Full PDB file with SEQRES, HELIX, SHEET, SSBOND, CRYST1, ORIGX, SCALE, CONECT and MASTER records, all heavy atoms in Angstrom:
SEQRES   1 A   39  TYR GLY LEU ASN GLU GLU ALA THR GLY ALA VAL ARG ALA          
SEQRES   2 A   39  PHE ASP GLY GLY LEU LEU LYS SER GLN LEU VAL ASP GLY          
SEQRES   3 A   39  GLY GLU PHE PRO PRO TYR LEU CYS GLU GLN GLY ALA VAL          
HELIX    1 AA1 GLU A    5  VAL A   11  1                                   7    
SHEET    1 AA1 2 GLN A  22  VAL A  24  0                                        
SHEET    2 AA1 2 GLY A  27  PHE A  29 -1                                        
CRYST1    1.000    1.000    1.000  90.00  90.00  90.00 P 1           1          
ORIGX1      1.000000  0.000000  0.000000        0.00000                         
ORIGX2      0.000000  1.000000  0.000000        0.00000                         
ORIGX3      0.000000  0.000000  1.000000        0.00000                         
SCALE1      1.000000  0.000000  0.000000        0.00000                         
SCALE2      0.000000  1.000000  0.000000        0.00000                         
SCALE3      0.000000  0.000000  1.000000        0.00000                         
ATOM      1  N   TYR A   1     -90.764 106.653-260.992  1.00  0.00           N  
ATOM      2  CA  TYR A   1     -89.652 107.565-260.714  1.00  0.00           C  
ATOM      3  C   TYR A   1     -89.869 108.478-259.496  1.00  0.00           C  
ATOM      4  O   TYR A   1     -88.904 109.104-259.037  1.00  0.00           O  
ATOM      5  CB  TYR A   1     -89.396 108.482-261.928  1.00  0.00           C  
ATOM      6  CG  TYR A   1     -88.974 107.718-263.154  1.00  0.00           C  
ATOM      7  CD1 TYR A   1     -89.793 107.688-264.294  1.00  0.00           C  
ATOM      8  CD2 TYR A   1     -87.768 107.034-263.204  1.00  0.00           C  
ATOM      9  CE1 TYR A   1     -89.411 107.007-265.435  1.00  0.00           C  
ATOM     10  CE2 TYR A   1     -87.364 106.358-264.346  1.00  0.00           C  
ATOM     11  CZ  TYR A   1     -88.197 106.338-265.456  1.00  0.00           C  
ATOM     12  OH  TYR A   1     -87.795 105.650-266.596  1.00  0.00           O  
ATOM     13  N   GLY A   2     -91.077 108.568-258.983  1.00  0.00           N  
ATOM     14  CA  GLY A   2     -91.341 109.422-257.842  1.00  0.00           C  
ATOM     15  C   GLY A   2     -91.789 110.828-258.228  1.00  0.00           C  
ATOM     16  O   GLY A   2     -91.558 111.249-259.370  1.00  0.00           O  
ATOM     17  N   LEU A   3     -92.382 111.523-257.286  1.00  0.00           N  
ATOM     18  CA  LEU A   3     -92.955 112.843-257.541  1.00  0.00           C  
ATOM     19  C   LEU A   3     -91.900 113.972-257.468  1.00  0.00           C  
ATOM     20  O   LEU A   3     -92.140 115.050-257.939  1.00  0.00           O  
ATOM     21  CB  LEU A   3     -94.037 113.139-256.533  1.00  0.00           C  
ATOM     22  CG  LEU A   3     -95.408 112.487-256.744  1.00  0.00           C  
ATOM     23  CD1 LEU A   3     -96.270 112.625-255.515  1.00  0.00           C  
ATOM     24  CD2 LEU A   3     -96.117 113.089-257.954  1.00  0.00           C  
ATOM     25  N   ASN A   4     -90.774 113.702-256.837  1.00  0.00           N  
ATOM     26  CA  ASN A   4     -89.778 114.742-256.644  1.00  0.00           C  
ATOM     27  C   ASN A   4     -88.362 114.133-256.707  1.00  0.00           C  
ATOM     28  O   ASN A   4     -88.191 112.909-256.776  1.00  0.00           O  
ATOM     29  CB  ASN A   4     -89.998 115.472-255.311  1.00  0.00           C  
ATOM     30  CG  ASN A   4     -90.133 114.505-254.141  1.00  0.00           C  
ATOM     31  OD1 ASN A   4     -89.268 113.624-253.963  1.00  0.00           O  
ATOM     32  ND2 ASN A   4     -91.181 114.623-253.363  1.00  0.00           N  
ATOM     33  N   GLU A   5     -87.373 115.014-256.673  1.00  0.00           N  
ATOM     34  CA  GLU A   5     -85.996 114.548-256.835  1.00  0.00           C  
ATOM     35  C   GLU A   5     -85.542 113.677-255.693  1.00  0.00           C  
ATOM     36  O   GLU A   5     -84.733 112.749-255.889  1.00  0.00           O  
ATOM     37  CB  GLU A   5     -85.050 115.764-256.977  1.00  0.00           C  
ATOM     38  CG  GLU A   5     -85.184 116.500-258.287  1.00  0.00           C  
ATOM     39  CD  GLU A   5     -84.078 117.519-258.498  1.00  0.00           C  
ATOM     40  OE1 GLU A   5     -83.078 117.464-257.755  1.00  0.00           O  
ATOM     41  OE2 GLU A   5     -84.225 118.374-259.392  1.00  0.00           O  
ATOM     42  N   GLU A   6     -86.068 113.915-254.463  1.00  0.00           N  
ATOM     43  CA  GLU A   6     -85.683 113.092-253.327  1.00  0.00           C  
ATOM     44  C   GLU A   6     -86.125 111.640-253.522  1.00  0.00           C  
ATOM     45  O   GLU A   6     -85.360 110.700-253.295  1.00  0.00           O  
ATOM     46  CB  GLU A   6     -86.261 113.649-252.041  1.00  0.00           C  
ATOM     47  CG  GLU A   6     -85.654 114.973-251.605  1.00  0.00           C  
ATOM     48  CD  GLU A   6     -86.159 116.162-252.401  1.00  0.00           C  
ATOM     49  OE1 GLU A   6     -87.185 116.026-253.100  1.00  0.00           O  
ATOM     50  OE2 GLU A   6     -85.505 117.243-252.363  1.00  0.00           O  
ATOM     51  N   ALA A   7     -87.379 111.473-253.965  1.00  0.00           N  
ATOM     52  CA  ALA A   7     -87.874 110.118-254.197  1.00  0.00           C  
ATOM     53  C   ALA A   7     -87.140 109.467-255.368  1.00  0.00           C  
ATOM     54  O   ALA A   7     -86.796 108.277-255.301  1.00  0.00           O  
ATOM     55  CB  ALA A   7     -89.384 110.164-254.481  1.00  0.00           C  
ATOM     56  N   THR A   8     -86.875 110.241-256.430  1.00  0.00           N  
ATOM     57  CA  THR A   8     -86.146 109.685-257.548  1.00  0.00           C  
ATOM     58  C   THR A   8     -84.742 109.236-257.121  1.00  0.00           C  
ATOM     59  O   THR A   8     -84.266 108.152-257.497  1.00  0.00           O  
ATOM     60  CB  THR A   8     -86.025 110.735-258.678  1.00  0.00           C  
ATOM     61  OG1 THR A   8     -87.314 111.205-259.044  1.00  0.00           O  
ATOM     62  CG2 THR A   8     -85.351 110.151-259.903  1.00  0.00           C  
ATOM     63  N   GLY A   9     -84.093 110.057-256.308  1.00  0.00           N  
ATOM     64  CA  GLY A   9     -82.758 109.707-255.833  1.00  0.00           C  
ATOM     65  C   GLY A   9     -82.746 108.439-255.024  1.00  0.00           C  
ATOM     66  O   GLY A   9     -81.795 107.644-255.062  1.00  0.00           O  
ATOM     67  N   ALA A  10     -83.840 108.179-254.279  1.00  0.00           N  
ATOM     68  CA  ALA A  10     -83.897 106.988-253.429  1.00  0.00           C  
ATOM     69  C   ALA A  10     -83.985 105.702-254.253  1.00  0.00           C  
ATOM     70  O   ALA A  10     -83.508 104.651-253.793  1.00  0.00           O  
ATOM     71  CB  ALA A  10     -85.077 107.070-252.486  1.00  0.00           C  
ATOM     72  N   VAL A  11     -84.571 105.770-255.456  1.00  0.00           N  
ATOM     73  CA  VAL A  11     -84.718 104.522-256.228  1.00  0.00           C  
ATOM     74  C   VAL A  11     -83.647 104.381-257.288  1.00  0.00           C  
ATOM     75  O   VAL A  11     -83.567 103.356-257.980  1.00  0.00           O  
ATOM     76  CB  VAL A  11     -86.112 104.464-256.889  1.00  0.00           C  
ATOM     77  CG1 VAL A  11     -87.199 104.372-255.842  1.00  0.00           C  
ATOM     78  CG2 VAL A  11     -86.367 105.628-257.843  1.00  0.00           C  
ATOM     79  N   ARG A  12     -82.778 105.404-257.451  1.00  0.00           N  
ATOM     80  CA  ARG A  12     -81.690 105.308-258.417  1.00  0.00           C  
ATOM     81  C   ARG A  12     -80.487 104.552-257.866  1.00  0.00           C  
ATOM     82  O   ARG A  12     -80.149 104.671-256.704  1.00  0.00           O  
ATOM     83  CB  ARG A  12     -81.240 106.695-258.852  1.00  0.00           C  
ATOM     84  CG  ARG A  12     -82.166 107.407-259.776  1.00  0.00           C  
ATOM     85  CD  ARG A  12     -81.685 108.779-260.149  1.00  0.00           C  
ATOM     86  NE  ARG A  12     -80.361 108.748-260.851  1.00  0.00           N  
ATOM     87  CZ  ARG A  12     -79.751 109.800-261.307  1.00  0.00           C  
ATOM     88  NH1 ARG A  12     -80.290 111.013-261.162  1.00  0.00           N  
ATOM     89  NH2 ARG A  12     -78.597 109.669-261.943  1.00  0.00           N  
ATOM     90  N   ALA A  13     -79.832 103.793-258.760  1.00  0.00           N  
ATOM     91  CA  ALA A  13     -78.607 103.094-258.364  1.00  0.00           C  
ATOM     92  C   ALA A  13     -77.398 104.011-258.453  1.00  0.00           C  
ATOM     93  O   ALA A  13     -76.346 103.704-257.859  1.00  0.00           O  
ATOM     94  CB  ALA A  13     -78.407 101.897-259.255  1.00  0.00           C  
ATOM     95  N   PHE A  14     -77.486 105.099-259.182  1.00  0.00           N  
ATOM     96  CA  PHE A  14     -76.370 106.027-259.458  1.00  0.00           C  
ATOM     97  C   PHE A  14     -75.166 105.307-260.042  1.00  0.00           C  
ATOM     98  O   PHE A  14     -74.007 105.542-259.699  1.00  0.00           O  
ATOM     99  CB  PHE A  14     -75.988 106.814-258.185  1.00  0.00           C  
ATOM    100  CG  PHE A  14     -77.039 107.810-257.778  1.00  0.00           C  
ATOM    101  CD1 PHE A  14     -77.937 107.519-256.737  1.00  0.00           C  
ATOM    102  CD2 PHE A  14     -77.178 108.993-258.458  1.00  0.00           C  
ATOM    103  CE1 PHE A  14     -78.925 108.433-256.398  1.00  0.00           C  
ATOM    104  CE2 PHE A  14     -78.159 109.911-258.098  1.00  0.00           C  
ATOM    105  CZ  PHE A  14     -79.041 109.621-257.073  1.00  0.00           C  
ATOM    106  N   ASP A  15     -75.504 104.380-260.919  1.00  0.00           N  
ATOM    107  CA  ASP A  15     -74.474 103.609-261.612  1.00  0.00           C  
ATOM    108  C   ASP A  15     -75.039 103.201-262.975  1.00  0.00           C  
ATOM    109  O   ASP A  15     -76.046 102.447-263.031  1.00  0.00           O  
ATOM    110  CB  ASP A  15     -74.101 102.365-260.805  1.00  0.00           C  
ATOM    111  CG  ASP A  15     -73.042 101.518-261.515  1.00  0.00           C  
ATOM    112  OD1 ASP A  15     -72.309 102.048-262.355  1.00  0.00           O  
ATOM    113  OD2 ASP A  15     -72.974 100.303-261.223  1.00  0.00           O  
ATOM    114  N   GLY A  16     -74.497 103.719-264.044  1.00  0.00           N  
ATOM    115  CA  GLY A  16     -74.915 103.296-265.373  1.00  0.00           C  
ATOM    116  C   GLY A  16     -76.321 103.738-265.746  1.00  0.00           C  
ATOM    117  O   GLY A  16     -76.901 103.179-266.672  1.00  0.00           O  
ATOM    118  N   GLY A  17     -76.846 104.749-265.056  1.00  0.00           N  
ATOM    119  CA  GLY A  17     -78.206 105.227-265.354  1.00  0.00           C  
ATOM    120  C   GLY A  17     -79.294 104.324-264.882  1.00  0.00           C  
ATOM    121  O   GLY A  17     -80.475 104.520-265.248  1.00  0.00           O  
ATOM    122  N   LEU A  18     -78.975 103.334-264.048  1.00  0.00           N  
ATOM    123  CA  LEU A  18     -79.938 102.318-263.660  1.00  0.00           C  
ATOM    124  C   LEU A  18     -80.794 102.708-262.459  1.00  0.00           C  
ATOM    125  O   LEU A  18     -80.402 103.556-261.632  1.00  0.00           O  
ATOM    126  CB  LEU A  18     -79.218 101.018-263.323  1.00  0.00           C  
ATOM    127  CG  LEU A  18     -78.363 100.388-264.424  1.00  0.00           C  
ATOM    128  CD1 LEU A  18     -77.564  99.203-263.877  1.00  0.00           C  
ATOM    129  CD2 LEU A  18     -79.249  99.950-265.584  1.00  0.00           C  
ATOM    130  N   LEU A  19     -81.936 102.076-262.340  1.00  0.00           N  
ATOM    131  CA  LEU A  19     -82.732 102.077-261.124  1.00  0.00           C  
ATOM    132  C   LEU A  19     -82.309 100.882-260.257  1.00  0.00           C  
ATOM    133  O   LEU A  19     -81.890  99.848-260.796  1.00  0.00           O  
ATOM    134  CB  LEU A  19     -84.228 101.958-261.428  1.00  0.00           C  
ATOM    135  CG  LEU A  19     -84.865 103.141-262.163  1.00  0.00           C  
ATOM    136  CD1 LEU A  19     -86.224 102.764-262.700  1.00  0.00           C  
ATOM    137  CD2 LEU A  19     -84.974 104.351-261.251  1.00  0.00           C  
ATOM    138  N   LYS A  20     -82.381 101.015-258.951  1.00  0.00           N  
ATOM    139  CA  LYS A  20     -82.037  99.931-258.062  1.00  0.00           C  
ATOM    140  C   LYS A  20     -82.937  98.733-258.338  1.00  0.00           C  
ATOM    141  O   LYS A  20     -84.145  98.882-258.577  1.00  0.00           O  
ATOM    142  CB  LYS A  20     -82.217 100.338-256.588  1.00  0.00           C  
ATOM    143  CG  LYS A  20     -81.215 101.408-256.126  1.00  0.00           C  
ATOM    144  CD  LYS A  20     -81.532 101.849-254.701  1.00  0.00           C  
ATOM    145  CE  LYS A  20     -80.587 102.944-254.231  1.00  0.00           C  
ATOM    146  NZ  LYS A  20     -80.966 103.472-252.914  1.00  0.00           N  
ATOM    147  N   SER A  21     -82.345  97.540-258.292  1.00  0.00           N  
ATOM    148  CA  SER A  21     -83.156  96.350-258.537  1.00  0.00           C  
ATOM    149  C   SER A  21     -82.494  95.157-257.868  1.00  0.00           C  
ATOM    150  O   SER A  21     -81.354  95.230-257.377  1.00  0.00           O  
ATOM    151  CB  SER A  21     -83.311  96.098-260.048  1.00  0.00           C  
ATOM    152  OG  SER A  21     -82.059  95.749-260.620  1.00  0.00           O  
ATOM    153  N   GLN A  22     -83.236  94.053-257.864  1.00  0.00           N  
ATOM    154  CA  GLN A  22     -82.757  92.797-257.330  1.00  0.00           C  
ATOM    155  C   GLN A  22     -83.318  91.664-258.200  1.00  0.00           C  
ATOM    156  O   GLN A  22     -84.296  91.857-258.921  1.00  0.00           O  
ATOM    157  CB  GLN A  22     -83.213  92.584-255.872  1.00  0.00           C  
ATOM    158  CG  GLN A  22     -84.735  92.528-255.742  1.00  0.00           C  
ATOM    159  CD  GLN A  22     -85.189  92.176-254.345  1.00  0.00           C  
ATOM    160  OE1 GLN A  22     -84.518  91.433-253.627  1.00  0.00           O  
ATOM    161  NE2 GLN A  22     -86.354  92.683-253.948  1.00  0.00           N  
ATOM    162  N   LEU A  23     -82.685  90.497-258.159  1.00  0.00           N  
ATOM    163  CA  LEU A  23     -83.202  89.340-258.863  1.00  0.00           C  
ATOM    164  C   LEU A  23     -83.986  88.454-257.873  1.00  0.00           C  
ATOM    165  O   LEU A  23     -83.491  88.144-256.792  1.00  0.00           O  
ATOM    166  CB  LEU A  23     -82.073  88.524-259.478  1.00  0.00           C  
ATOM    167  CG  LEU A  23     -81.354  89.180-260.662  1.00  0.00           C  
ATOM    168  CD1 LEU A  23     -80.224  88.254-261.167  1.00  0.00           C  
ATOM    169  CD2 LEU A  23     -82.314  89.450-261.800  1.00  0.00           C  
ATOM    170  N   VAL A  24     -85.214  88.126-258.258  1.00  0.00           N  
ATOM    171  CA  VAL A  24     -86.051  87.228-257.455  1.00  0.00           C  
ATOM    172  C   VAL A  24     -86.577  86.147-258.410  1.00  0.00           C  
ATOM    173  O   VAL A  24     -87.264  86.445-259.375  1.00  0.00           O  
ATOM    174  CB  VAL A  24     -87.254  87.983-256.827  1.00  0.00           C  
ATOM    175  CG1 VAL A  24     -88.093  87.008-255.980  1.00  0.00           C  
ATOM    176  CG2 VAL A  24     -86.802  89.155-255.995  1.00  0.00           C  
ATOM    177  N   ASP A  25     -86.194  84.903-258.150  1.00  0.00           N  
ATOM    178  CA  ASP A  25     -86.580  83.781-259.005  1.00  0.00           C  
ATOM    179  C   ASP A  25     -86.235  84.039-260.472  1.00  0.00           C  
ATOM    180  O   ASP A  25     -87.006  83.736-261.387  1.00  0.00           O  
ATOM    181  CB  ASP A  25     -88.079  83.480-258.877  1.00  0.00           C  
ATOM    182  CG  ASP A  25     -88.445  82.989-257.483  1.00  0.00           C  
ATOM    183  OD1 ASP A  25     -87.537  82.496-256.767  1.00  0.00           O  
ATOM    184  OD2 ASP A  25     -89.642  83.088-257.125  1.00  0.00           O  
ATOM    185  N   GLY A  26     -85.101  84.683-260.679  1.00  0.00           N  
ATOM    186  CA  GLY A  26     -84.604  84.904-262.030  1.00  0.00           C  
ATOM    187  C   GLY A  26     -85.145  86.124-262.725  1.00  0.00           C  
ATOM    188  O   GLY A  26     -84.740  86.457-263.850  1.00  0.00           O  
ATOM    189  N   GLY A  27     -86.074  86.865-262.091  1.00  0.00           N  
ATOM    190  CA  GLY A  27     -86.632  88.077-262.659  1.00  0.00           C  
ATOM    191  C   GLY A  27     -86.168  89.308-261.940  1.00  0.00           C  
ATOM    192  O   GLY A  27     -85.864  89.282-260.753  1.00  0.00           O  
ATOM    193  N   GLU A  28     -86.123  90.446-262.644  1.00  0.00           N  
ATOM    194  CA  GLU A  28     -85.660  91.712-262.061  1.00  0.00           C  
ATOM    195  C   GLU A  28     -86.831  92.420-261.410  1.00  0.00           C  
ATOM    196  O   GLU A  28     -87.891  92.603-262.014  1.00  0.00           O  
ATOM    197  CB  GLU A  28     -85.039  92.590-263.135  1.00  0.00           C  
ATOM    198  CG  GLU A  28     -84.358  93.833-262.591  1.00  0.00           C  
ATOM    199  CD  GLU A  28     -83.654  94.644-263.672  1.00  0.00           C  
ATOM    200  OE1 GLU A  28     -84.019  94.503-264.869  1.00  0.00           O  
ATOM    201  OE2 GLU A  28     -82.744  95.423-263.318  1.00  0.00           O  
ATOM    202  N   PHE A  29     -86.645  92.830-260.156  1.00  0.00           N  
ATOM    203  CA  PHE A  29     -87.679  93.519-259.376  1.00  0.00           C  
ATOM    204  C   PHE A  29     -87.044  94.676-258.603  1.00  0.00           C  
ATOM    205  O   PHE A  29     -85.820  94.693-258.411  1.00  0.00           O  
ATOM    206  CB  PHE A  29     -88.302  92.530-258.359  1.00  0.00           C  
ATOM    207  CG  PHE A  29     -89.166  91.474-258.994  1.00  0.00           C  
ATOM    208  CD1 PHE A  29     -88.623  90.293-259.461  1.00  0.00           C  
ATOM    209  CD2 PHE A  29     -90.549  91.672-259.136  1.00  0.00           C  
ATOM    210  CE1 PHE A  29     -89.422  89.311-260.065  1.00  0.00           C  
ATOM    211  CE2 PHE A  29     -91.348  90.698-259.723  1.00  0.00           C  
ATOM    212  CZ  PHE A  29     -90.774  89.531-260.200  1.00  0.00           C  
ATOM    213  N   PRO A  30     -87.852  95.605-258.123  1.00  0.00           N  
ATOM    214  CA  PRO A  30     -87.328  96.619-257.206  1.00  0.00           C  
ATOM    215  C   PRO A  30     -86.806  95.958-255.932  1.00  0.00           C  
ATOM    216  O   PRO A  30     -87.264  94.857-255.546  1.00  0.00           O  
ATOM    217  CB  PRO A  30     -88.532  97.509-256.913  1.00  0.00           C  
ATOM    218  CG  PRO A  30     -89.526  97.240-257.979  1.00  0.00           C  
ATOM    219  CD  PRO A  30     -89.299  95.800-258.383  1.00  0.00           C  
ATOM    220  N   PRO A  31     -85.889  96.585-255.220  1.00  0.00           N  
ATOM    221  CA  PRO A  31     -85.467  96.033-253.937  1.00  0.00           C  
ATOM    222  C   PRO A  31     -86.591  96.151-252.921  1.00  0.00           C  
ATOM    223  O   PRO A  31     -87.564  96.872-253.142  1.00  0.00           O  
ATOM    224  CB  PRO A  31     -84.285  96.922-253.550  1.00  0.00           C  
ATOM    225  CG  PRO A  31     -84.477  98.199-254.309  1.00  0.00           C  
ATOM    226  CD  PRO A  31     -85.198  97.827-255.581  1.00  0.00           C  
ATOM    227  N   TYR A  32     -86.457  95.442-251.816  1.00  0.00           N  
ATOM    228  CA  TYR A  32     -87.473  95.528-250.778  1.00  0.00           C  
ATOM    229  C   TYR A  32     -87.325  96.828-249.971  1.00  0.00           C  
ATOM    230  O   TYR A  32     -86.220  97.291-249.709  1.00  0.00           O  
ATOM    231  CB  TYR A  32     -87.376  94.324-249.830  1.00  0.00           C  
ATOM    232  CG  TYR A  32     -87.804  93.028-250.502  1.00  0.00           C  
ATOM    233  CD1 TYR A  32     -86.914  91.961-250.636  1.00  0.00           C  
ATOM    234  CD2 TYR A  32     -89.076  92.892-251.047  1.00  0.00           C  
ATOM    235  CE1 TYR A  32     -87.308  90.792-251.279  1.00  0.00           C  
ATOM    236  CE2 TYR A  32     -89.496  91.728-251.681  1.00  0.00           C  
ATOM    237  CZ  TYR A  32     -88.583  90.679-251.803  1.00  0.00           C  
ATOM    238  OH  TYR A  32     -88.978  89.526-252.438  1.00  0.00           O  
ATOM    239  N   LEU A  33     -88.467  97.384-249.621  1.00  0.00           N  
ATOM    240  CA  LEU A  33     -88.499  98.689-248.941  1.00  0.00           C  
ATOM    241  C   LEU A  33     -88.068  98.590-247.475  1.00  0.00           C  
ATOM    242  O   LEU A  33     -87.433  99.502-246.960  1.00  0.00           O  
ATOM    243  CB  LEU A  33     -89.934  99.243-249.001  1.00  0.00           C  
ATOM    244  CG  LEU A  33     -90.228 100.559-248.305  1.00  0.00           C  
ATOM    245  CD1 LEU A  33     -89.567 101.716-249.044  1.00  0.00           C  
ATOM    246  CD2 LEU A  33     -91.752 100.786-248.214  1.00  0.00           C  
ATOM    247  N   CYS A  34     -88.433  97.488-246.837  1.00  0.00           N  
ATOM    248  CA  CYS A  34     -88.271  97.361-245.376  1.00  0.00           C  
ATOM    249  C   CYS A  34     -87.403  96.181-244.990  1.00  0.00           C  
ATOM    250  O   CYS A  34     -87.198  95.241-245.756  1.00  0.00           O  
ATOM    251  CB  CYS A  34     -89.639  97.206-244.704  1.00  0.00           C  
ATOM    252  SG  CYS A  34     -90.762  98.596-244.912  1.00  0.00           S  
ATOM    253  N   GLU A  35     -86.939  96.238-243.776  1.00  0.00           N  
ATOM    254  CA  GLU A  35     -86.235  95.123-243.150  1.00  0.00           C  
ATOM    255  C   GLU A  35     -86.737  95.037-241.713  1.00  0.00           C  
ATOM    256  O   GLU A  35     -86.667  96.015-240.976  1.00  0.00           O  
ATOM    257  CB  GLU A  35     -84.733  95.332-243.196  1.00  0.00           C  
ATOM    258  CG  GLU A  35     -83.938  94.132-242.742  1.00  0.00           C  
ATOM    259  CD  GLU A  35     -82.448  94.303-242.973  1.00  0.00           C  
ATOM    260  OE1 GLU A  35     -82.011  95.424-243.255  1.00  0.00           O  
ATOM    261  OE2 GLU A  35     -81.752  93.286-242.907  1.00  0.00           O  
ATOM    262  N   GLN A  36     -87.292  93.886-241.348  1.00  0.00           N  
ATOM    263  CA  GLN A  36     -87.902  93.686-240.039  1.00  0.00           C  
ATOM    264  C   GLN A  36     -88.942  94.755-239.718  1.00  0.00           C  
ATOM    265  O   GLN A  36     -89.050  95.269-238.605  1.00  0.00           O  
ATOM    266  CB  GLN A  36     -86.822  93.643-238.938  1.00  0.00           C  
ATOM    267  CG  GLN A  36     -85.873  92.452-239.116  1.00  0.00           C  
ATOM    268  CD  GLN A  36     -84.829  92.394-238.006  1.00  0.00           C  
ATOM    269  OE1 GLN A  36     -84.615  93.350-237.282  1.00  0.00           O  
ATOM    270  NE2 GLN A  36     -84.195  91.243-237.884  1.00  0.00           N  
ATOM    271  N   GLY A  37     -89.715  95.098-240.770  1.00  0.00           N  
ATOM    272  CA  GLY A  37     -90.844  96.021-240.589  1.00  0.00           C  
ATOM    273  C   GLY A  37     -90.481  97.496-240.612  1.00  0.00           C  
ATOM    274  O   GLY A  37     -91.373  98.345-240.587  1.00  0.00           O  
ATOM    275  N   ALA A  38     -89.218  97.821-240.669  1.00  0.00           N  
ATOM    276  CA  ALA A  38     -88.782  99.233-240.674  1.00  0.00           C  
ATOM    277  C   ALA A  38     -88.249  99.613-242.060  1.00  0.00           C  
ATOM    278  O   ALA A  38     -87.573  98.824-242.701  1.00  0.00           O  
ATOM    279  CB  ALA A  38     -87.707  99.463-239.625  1.00  0.00           C  
ATOM    280  N   VAL A  39     -88.561 100.814-242.496  1.00  0.00           N  
ATOM    281  CA  VAL A  39     -88.084 101.283-243.792  1.00  0.00           C  
ATOM    282  C   VAL A  39     -86.557 101.412-243.735  1.00  0.00           C  
ATOM    283  O   VAL A  39     -85.994 101.982-242.793  1.00  0.00           O  
ATOM    284  CB  VAL A  39     -88.721 102.662-244.148  1.00  0.00           C  
ATOM    285  CG1 VAL A  39     -88.118 103.207-245.428  1.00  0.00           C  
ATOM    286  CG2 VAL A  39     -90.217 102.524-244.272  1.00  0.00           C  
TER     287      VAL A  39                                                      
MASTER        0    0    0    1    2    0    0    6  286    1    0    3          
END                                                                             
C-alpha cells in the first residue's frame, strides 16, 4: 500500500476499492511501472 497517502493513491484504481492491476498469462499482477525506461 505504500508508506504515505501519495504512494497509496498511485497504486489505487479509485474504482470499486481496487488496486490497479493487469492480467499477464491469465494471472493478476500490478501494472508495469515504466514505459521505455521512464516511470
